[in-house]
N, C-alpha and C. Protein backbone atom coordinates (compact mmCIF):
# COMPACT_ATOMS: atom_id res chain seq x y z
N UNK A 1 93.01 -69.53 -127.67
CA UNK A 1 93.07 -69.42 -126.22
C UNK A 1 93.98 -68.25 -125.85
N UNK A 2 93.53 -67.43 -124.91
CA UNK A 2 94.29 -66.27 -124.50
C UNK A 2 95.52 -66.70 -123.71
N UNK A 3 96.64 -66.09 -124.03
CA UNK A 3 97.89 -66.40 -123.33
C UNK A 3 97.89 -65.73 -121.96
N UNK A 4 98.25 -66.47 -120.95
CA UNK A 4 98.28 -65.95 -119.59
C UNK A 4 99.50 -65.05 -119.39
N UNK A 5 99.34 -64.05 -118.55
CA UNK A 5 100.45 -63.16 -118.22
C UNK A 5 101.47 -63.86 -117.32
N UNK A 6 101.02 -64.90 -116.64
CA UNK A 6 101.86 -65.66 -115.73
C UNK A 6 102.04 -67.08 -116.23
N UNK A 7 103.25 -67.62 -116.07
CA UNK A 7 103.47 -69.03 -116.43
C UNK A 7 102.89 -69.91 -115.33
N UNK A 8 102.76 -71.19 -115.64
CA UNK A 8 102.23 -72.12 -114.63
C UNK A 8 103.10 -72.12 -113.38
N UNK A 9 104.42 -72.04 -113.57
CA UNK A 9 105.33 -72.03 -112.42
C UNK A 9 105.10 -70.80 -111.55
N UNK A 10 104.87 -69.64 -112.18
CA UNK A 10 104.63 -68.42 -111.42
C UNK A 10 103.31 -68.51 -110.65
N UNK A 11 102.28 -69.06 -111.29
CA UNK A 11 100.98 -69.21 -110.64
C UNK A 11 101.10 -70.12 -109.43
N UNK A 12 101.80 -71.23 -109.58
CA UNK A 12 101.98 -72.16 -108.47
C UNK A 12 102.77 -71.50 -107.34
N UNK A 13 103.75 -70.67 -107.70
CA UNK A 13 104.50 -69.92 -106.68
C UNK A 13 103.60 -68.97 -105.91
N UNK A 14 102.70 -68.29 -106.61
CA UNK A 14 101.75 -67.39 -105.94
C UNK A 14 100.84 -68.18 -105.02
N UNK A 15 100.37 -69.34 -105.48
CA UNK A 15 99.49 -70.16 -104.64
C UNK A 15 100.24 -70.69 -103.41
N UNK A 16 101.52 -70.97 -103.55
CA UNK A 16 102.31 -71.42 -102.39
C UNK A 16 102.44 -70.30 -101.36
N UNK A 17 102.55 -69.05 -101.84
CA UNK A 17 102.57 -67.92 -100.91
C UNK A 17 101.28 -67.89 -100.09
N UNK A 18 100.16 -68.17 -100.76
CA UNK A 18 98.87 -68.19 -100.07
C UNK A 18 98.82 -69.32 -99.04
N UNK A 19 99.41 -70.46 -99.37
CA UNK A 19 99.40 -71.61 -98.45
C UNK A 19 100.15 -71.32 -97.16
N UNK A 20 101.20 -70.49 -97.21
CA UNK A 20 101.97 -70.21 -96.01
C UNK A 20 101.39 -69.07 -95.18
N UNK A 21 100.26 -68.51 -95.65
CA UNK A 21 99.57 -67.55 -94.80
C UNK A 21 99.40 -66.15 -95.35
N UNK A 22 99.86 -65.86 -96.54
CA UNK A 22 99.67 -64.53 -97.12
C UNK A 22 98.21 -64.43 -97.57
N UNK A 23 97.56 -63.32 -97.23
CA UNK A 23 96.14 -63.18 -97.58
C UNK A 23 95.96 -62.97 -99.08
N UNK A 24 94.78 -63.31 -99.56
CA UNK A 24 94.47 -63.14 -100.98
C UNK A 24 94.56 -61.67 -101.36
N UNK A 25 94.09 -60.79 -100.49
CA UNK A 25 94.14 -59.36 -100.79
C UNK A 25 95.58 -58.88 -100.96
N UNK A 26 96.48 -59.35 -100.11
CA UNK A 26 97.89 -58.97 -100.23
C UNK A 26 98.50 -59.51 -101.52
N UNK A 27 98.15 -60.74 -101.88
CA UNK A 27 98.66 -61.31 -103.13
C UNK A 27 98.15 -60.53 -104.33
N UNK A 28 96.89 -60.10 -104.29
CA UNK A 28 96.32 -59.32 -105.39
C UNK A 28 97.09 -58.02 -105.58
N UNK A 29 97.36 -57.34 -104.49
CA UNK A 29 98.11 -56.08 -104.57
C UNK A 29 99.54 -56.31 -105.06
N UNK A 30 100.18 -57.32 -104.52
CA UNK A 30 101.59 -57.58 -104.83
C UNK A 30 101.79 -57.96 -106.30
N UNK A 31 100.88 -58.78 -106.84
CA UNK A 31 101.07 -59.32 -108.19
C UNK A 31 100.18 -58.66 -109.24
N UNK A 32 99.29 -57.78 -108.81
CA UNK A 32 98.44 -57.06 -109.76
C UNK A 32 97.39 -57.91 -110.44
N UNK A 33 96.76 -58.81 -109.68
CA UNK A 33 95.70 -59.65 -110.23
C UNK A 33 94.45 -59.50 -109.37
N UNK A 34 93.33 -59.95 -109.89
CA UNK A 34 92.08 -59.89 -109.13
C UNK A 34 91.98 -61.09 -108.20
N UNK A 35 91.15 -60.94 -107.18
CA UNK A 35 90.94 -62.08 -106.28
C UNK A 35 90.28 -63.24 -107.00
N UNK A 36 89.45 -62.96 -108.00
CA UNK A 36 88.82 -64.03 -108.78
C UNK A 36 89.88 -64.86 -109.51
N UNK A 37 90.92 -64.20 -110.01
CA UNK A 37 91.99 -64.94 -110.70
C UNK A 37 92.67 -65.92 -109.75
N UNK A 38 92.95 -65.46 -108.54
CA UNK A 38 93.62 -66.33 -107.58
C UNK A 38 92.74 -67.53 -107.23
N UNK A 39 91.44 -67.30 -107.03
CA UNK A 39 90.55 -68.42 -106.71
C UNK A 39 90.40 -69.37 -107.90
N UNK A 40 90.39 -68.83 -109.13
CA UNK A 40 90.35 -69.69 -110.32
C UNK A 40 91.62 -70.51 -110.43
N UNK A 41 92.76 -69.88 -110.18
CA UNK A 41 94.04 -70.61 -110.22
C UNK A 41 94.06 -71.70 -109.17
N UNK A 42 93.53 -71.37 -107.99
CA UNK A 42 93.52 -72.36 -106.90
C UNK A 42 92.70 -73.58 -107.30
N UNK A 43 91.58 -73.35 -107.97
CA UNK A 43 90.74 -74.46 -108.43
C UNK A 43 91.45 -75.26 -109.52
N UNK A 44 92.21 -74.58 -110.37
CA UNK A 44 92.84 -75.24 -111.51
C UNK A 44 94.18 -75.88 -111.16
N UNK A 45 95.00 -75.19 -110.37
CA UNK A 45 96.36 -75.64 -110.10
C UNK A 45 96.58 -76.08 -108.66
N UNK A 46 95.53 -76.17 -107.86
CA UNK A 46 95.67 -76.41 -106.44
C UNK A 46 96.51 -77.61 -106.05
N UNK A 47 96.44 -78.70 -106.78
CA UNK A 47 97.16 -79.91 -106.39
C UNK A 47 98.50 -80.10 -107.07
N UNK A 48 98.94 -79.12 -107.85
CA UNK A 48 100.18 -79.29 -108.62
C UNK A 48 101.40 -78.80 -107.86
N UNK A 49 102.54 -79.39 -108.18
CA UNK A 49 103.84 -78.93 -107.69
C UNK A 49 104.75 -78.71 -108.86
N UNK A 50 105.74 -77.84 -108.64
CA UNK A 50 106.73 -77.58 -109.70
C UNK A 50 107.88 -78.54 -109.55
């Protein structure tokens, strides 16, 4: 399995930024990921908390 560049805690932090109103496009630019990655993370980690 390929190792992720981001830890689960970092991914959840990025998703929390999206929940408070930051657009997906802004998150992609800020963190250097594709929009598909963010939507995949949302599907996988959407209900988790740190």
